[in-house]
Amino acid sequence: MVIQGIGSLTNQRNPLIVVDGVIYTGDLSAINPKDVDGIDVLKDASSAAAYGARVAFGVIVIIQKKGAVIGAQPKVSQYDASAFAYFIEHATNIRVFGLKDQVLVEGVIKE
């Protein structure tokens, strides 16, 4: 991704990406577009004042949507028995995969 002008075509580097005020070094494809509230592209001296010398090739500022509290508080519970007992009690369908991703066993665990 290049956000510089035509004079910088021979010296292309990626811009600095900032997500919610934090420098982001991951892949842009990992950010869900539905979570994005806004995008700002900075390529002038104001970006250098805000983010320092790393912004020679511009800055992309991504603001994500904020979550909201809806209704009651979350409920946390714990299960003290083994996972095996949990799977039996809840009739959980289980698949066991082999080394080459083939399904070796599939079904519901019975006592």
Protein backbone atom coordinates (compact mmCIF):
# COMPACT_ATOMS: atom_id res chain seq x y z
CA MET A 1 0.00 0.00 0.00
CA VAL A 2 1.45 3.34 -1.04
CA ILE A 3 -0.02 6.69 -0.03
CA GLN A 4 2.78 8.96 -1.24
CA GLY A 5 2.78 11.10 -4.34
CA ILE A 6 4.20 10.33 -7.76
CA GLY A 7 7.70 11.49 -6.81
CA SER A 8 8.10 8.60 -4.38
CA LEU A 9 7.38 5.77 -6.83
CA THR A 10 10.99 4.60 -6.74
CA ASN A 11 11.13 4.49 -2.94
CA GLN A 12 7.94 2.73 -1.89
CA ARG A 13 7.42 1.53 1.65
CA ASN A 14 4.35 0.74 3.68
CA PRO A 15 2.78 3.48 5.79
CA LEU A 16 2.59 3.28 9.56
CA ILE A 17 -0.75 1.78 10.62
CA VAL A 18 -2.32 2.89 13.90
CA VAL A 19 -5.42 1.12 15.25
CA ASP A 20 -7.22 2.82 18.13
CA GLY A 21 -4.09 4.78 19.05
CA VAL A 22 -1.75 1.75 19.02
CA ILE A 23 0.82 1.05 16.30
CA TYR A 24 -0.35 -2.05 14.42
CA THR A 25 2.24 -4.36 12.85
CA GLY A 26 -0.12 -7.13 11.78
CA ASP A 27 -1.76 -7.80 8.43
CA LEU A 28 -4.54 -5.41 7.41
CA SER A 29 -6.63 -8.34 6.22
CA ALA A 30 -6.88 -9.46 9.87
CA ILE A 31 -9.01 -6.40 10.67
CA ASN A 32 -12.71 -7.04 10.14
CA PRO A 33 -14.13 -4.23 7.95
CA LYS A 34 -17.41 -4.41 9.89
CA ASP A 35 -15.51 -3.38 13.05
CA VAL A 36 -14.07 -0.22 11.46
CA ASP A 37 -15.76 3.03 12.43
CA GLY A 38 -13.45 5.36 10.50
CA ILE A 39 -10.15 5.68 8.63
CA ASP A 40 -7.90 8.74 8.39
CA VAL A 41 -4.92 9.02 6.05
CA LEU A 42 -2.18 11.40 7.22
CA LYS A 43 0.75 12.34 5.02
CA ASP A 44 1.93 15.70 6.20
CA ALA A 45 3.93 17.26 9.03
CA SER A 46 1.07 16.85 11.50
CA SER A 47 1.49 13.07 11.37
CA ALA A 48 5.20 13.41 12.17
CA ALA A 49 4.33 15.56 15.17
CA ALA A 50 1.91 12.93 16.44
CA TYR A 51 3.78 9.70 15.61
CA GLY A 52 7.47 10.60 15.21
CA ALA A 53 10.04 9.73 12.56
CA ARG A 54 8.43 6.41 11.56
CA VAL A 55 5.84 8.25 9.47
CA ALA A 56 7.99 9.16 6.47
CA PHE A 57 5.66 7.13 4.23
CA GLY A 58 2.39 8.30 5.78
CA VAL A 59 0.06 7.09 8.49
CA ILE A 60 -3.22 5.22 8.26
CA VAL A 61 -5.28 5.71 11.41
CA ILE A 62 -8.07 3.17 11.90
CA ILE A 63 -10.74 3.74 14.52
CA GLN A 64 -12.75 0.67 15.46
CA LYS A 65 -16.32 0.60 16.69
CA LYS A 66 -16.70 0.45 20.44
CA GLY A 67 -18.71 -2.27 22.15
CA ALA A 68 -21.75 -1.45 24.23
CA VAL A 69 -23.13 -3.02 27.37
CA ILE A 70 -26.52 -4.52 26.63
CA GLY A 71 -28.69 -5.62 29.52
CA ALA A 72 -27.30 -7.78 32.29
CA GLN A 73 -23.70 -8.37 33.24
CA PRO A 74 -21.98 -11.50 31.86
CA LYS A 75 -22.39 -14.65 33.90
CA VAL A 76 -19.31 -16.73 34.63
CA SER A 77 -19.56 -20.32 35.81
CA GLN A 78 -17.13 -23.12 36.34
CA TYR A 79 -17.30 -26.85 35.78
CA ASP A 80 -15.37 -28.91 38.32
CA ALA A 81 -15.65 -32.34 36.70
CA SER A 82 -13.45 -33.63 33.87
CA ALA A 83 -13.90 -32.67 30.24
CA PHE A 84 -14.88 -36.29 29.57
CA ALA A 85 -17.77 -36.03 32.08
CA TYR A 86 -18.85 -32.70 30.56
CA PHE A 87 -18.99 -34.19 27.06
CA ILE A 88 -21.12 -37.11 28.31
CA GLU A 89 -23.53 -34.86 30.23
CA HIS A 90 -24.01 -32.46 27.32
CA ALA A 91 -24.05 -35.09 24.54
CA THR A 92 -21.32 -33.21 22.69
CA ASN A 93 -20.49 -34.39 19.16
CA ILE A 94 -16.74 -34.99 18.99
CA ARG A 95 -14.37 -35.55 16.07
CA VAL A 96 -10.87 -36.98 16.42
CA PHE A 97 -8.55 -36.05 13.55
CA GLY A 98 -5.50 -37.97 12.34
CA LEU A 99 -2.17 -36.59 11.15
CA LYS A 100 -3.43 -35.92 7.63
CA ASP A 101 -6.62 -34.17 8.81
CA GLN A 102 -8.79 -37.20 8.18
CA VAL A 103 -11.54 -37.90 10.72
CA LEU A 104 -10.62 -41.03 12.69
CA VAL A 105 -13.59 -41.12 15.07
CA GLU A 106 -16.79 -39.10 15.16
CA GLY A 107 -19.79 -39.26 17.42
CA VAL A 108 -21.19 -38.69 20.87
CA ILE A 109 -19.36 -40.18 23.85
CA LYS A 110 -21.44 -42.62 25.84
CA GLU A 111 -20.49 -44.07 29.20
